[in-house]
Structures are given as C-alpha cells and as structure tokens.
Amino acid sequence: MLRSAVAHVVDLSSRGDAGPYAMTMFNRGENGVLVWAGQLRESSLSKPAEEVEANDFAVRETVSFMSWRDIEAYYAETSLAPLVEKLIAGYKRKDTAG
C-alpha cells in the first residue's frame, strides 16, 4: 500500500457537457483505496488534490478497491482508462517523493 493520502488527475482534453474527466484516489490504509471518477466542475479545476471533495464532481462514480492495482483492471475498457495510467504514475511519484 502506498503512503500518500490522495492523488488527483484531470484530463483537460476530455471535456464533456459537465466538465473535464477527472479521477481522485484516496489511500485508506488497510481499507484499500477509494476512487472518485467522472466529470469535474469547471470551478474546481484549480483545487489541489487534498482539497477535492465529492461535490466538486458534476458527475461522479465512487468505487472502493483493496489495492490501487485493481483500478487498472476495473477501468481498462472504459473511456477513463487513460486517466488511470496518469493517476497511478502521479501517485507513485508523489509516494516516492513523500
């Protein structure tokens, strides 16, 4: 399990009617990870990862995983798959630096 508490990525090139697609992942220690994925409100684009809240998403799916590695398989065949790669890479960088 990773040490960092939260990671967040936004794909500005994937703007839907409700805003760009984004993912936020929370490390919950022994309880695994929680992921919010969907369309982020324009007003929340500049928020740091640690300040992103559920209501910052105009459209959001919430999924819980036992491991961050499970996220890849879950989103593999979805339009959010490209964000997963960025999210995990960013999370690993943050975890290594932190």
Protein backbone atom coordinates (compact mmCIF):
# COMPACT_ATOMS: atom_id res chain seq x y z
CA MET A 1 0.00 0.00 0.00
CA LEU A 2 1.21 3.47 -0.77
CA ARG A 3 1.93 6.12 1.88
CA SER A 4 0.44 9.17 0.16
CA ALA A 5 -3.07 10.11 1.19
CA VAL A 6 -4.53 11.36 -2.09
CA ALA A 7 -3.84 11.73 -5.82
CA HIS A 8 -5.85 13.62 -8.41
CA VAL A 9 -5.65 13.96 -12.20
CA VAL A 10 -7.69 15.92 -14.73
CA ASP A 11 -7.78 15.39 -18.49
CA LEU A 12 -8.49 18.85 -19.90
CA SER A 13 -8.74 17.41 -23.41
CA SER A 14 -11.76 15.30 -22.45
CA ARG A 15 -14.36 17.94 -21.73
CA GLY A 16 -17.92 16.68 -21.62
CA ASP A 17 -21.05 18.74 -21.09
CA ALA A 18 -20.48 18.74 -17.32
CA GLY A 19 -16.72 19.42 -17.44
CA PRO A 20 -13.43 17.58 -17.99
CA TYR A 21 -12.95 13.99 -16.84
CA ALA A 22 -11.04 13.56 -13.59
CA MET A 23 -10.09 10.91 -11.06
CA THR A 24 -9.29 11.28 -7.38
CA MET A 25 -7.83 8.38 -5.42
CA PHE A 26 -7.69 8.20 -1.62
CA ASN A 27 -5.36 5.84 0.24
CA ARG A 28 -7.33 4.41 3.16
CA GLY A 29 -4.54 2.22 4.52
CA GLU A 30 -5.71 -1.27 5.41
CA ASN A 31 -9.14 -0.42 3.98
CA GLY A 32 -7.72 -0.08 0.44
CA VAL A 33 -8.33 2.86 -1.87
CA LEU A 34 -11.39 4.88 -2.79
CA VAL A 35 -11.73 6.38 -6.27
CA TRP A 36 -13.97 9.15 -7.49
CA ALA A 37 -14.15 9.27 -11.28
CA GLY A 38 -16.24 11.43 -13.55
CA GLN A 39 -16.64 14.98 -14.76
CA LEU A 40 -15.11 17.70 -12.63
CA ARG A 41 -16.85 21.04 -12.31
CA GLU A 42 -15.01 23.89 -14.05
CA SER A 43 -14.96 25.80 -10.75
CA SER A 44 -12.89 23.01 -9.16
CA LEU A 45 -10.12 22.75 -11.75
CA SER A 46 -7.52 24.62 -9.70
CA LYS A 47 -8.11 22.77 -6.43
CA PRO A 48 -5.16 20.82 -5.03
CA ALA A 49 -5.71 17.06 -4.64
CA GLU A 50 -6.08 17.28 -0.88
CA GLU A 51 -8.96 19.76 -1.20
CA VAL A 52 -11.07 17.95 -3.82
CA GLU A 53 -14.47 16.95 -2.44
CA ALA A 54 -17.24 14.74 -3.79
CA ASN A 55 -19.36 17.75 -4.76
CA ASP A 56 -16.53 19.05 -6.98
CA PHE A 57 -17.67 16.43 -9.49
CA ALA A 58 -20.74 17.24 -11.58
CA VAL A 59 -20.99 13.55 -12.49
CA ARG A 60 -19.19 11.03 -10.30
CA GLU A 61 -18.78 7.30 -9.79
CA THR A 62 -17.40 6.14 -6.42
CA VAL A 63 -15.64 2.78 -6.27
CA SER A 64 -13.67 1.12 -3.49
CA PHE A 65 -10.73 -1.22 -4.16
CA MET A 66 -8.49 -3.28 -1.90
CA SER A 67 -5.42 -2.25 -3.91
CA TRP A 68 -4.58 0.61 -6.26
CA ARG A 69 -3.55 -2.06 -8.80
CA ASP A 70 -7.21 -3.18 -9.05
CA ILE A 71 -8.12 0.20 -10.52
CA GLU A 72 -6.37 -0.62 -13.80
CA ALA A 73 -8.46 -3.73 -14.41
CA TYR A 74 -11.73 -2.05 -13.44
CA TYR A 75 -11.31 0.90 -15.81
CA ALA A 76 -9.37 -0.93 -18.57
CA GLU A 77 -12.22 -0.98 -21.09
CA THR A 78 -13.67 2.45 -20.29
CA SER A 79 -13.13 5.99 -21.56
CA LEU A 80 -11.39 6.70 -18.23
CA ALA A 81 -8.57 4.20 -18.87
CA PRO A 82 -6.09 6.91 -19.99
CA LEU A 83 -6.63 8.75 -16.71
CA VAL A 84 -5.84 5.64 -14.66
CA GLU A 85 -2.34 5.47 -16.10
CA LYS A 86 -1.71 9.14 -15.26
CA LEU A 87 -3.24 8.77 -11.81
CA ILE A 88 -1.11 5.80 -10.81
CA ALA A 89 2.07 7.28 -12.27
CA GLY A 90 1.46 10.53 -10.37
CA TYR A 91 0.61 8.65 -7.20
CA LYS A 92 3.84 6.62 -7.40
CA ARG A 93 5.90 9.80 -7.95
CA LYS A 94 4.24 11.53 -5.00
CA ASP A 95 4.67 8.47 -2.81
CA THR A 96 8.38 8.16 -3.67
CA ALA A 97 8.97 11.86 -3.03
CA GLY A 98 6.90 11.90 0.17
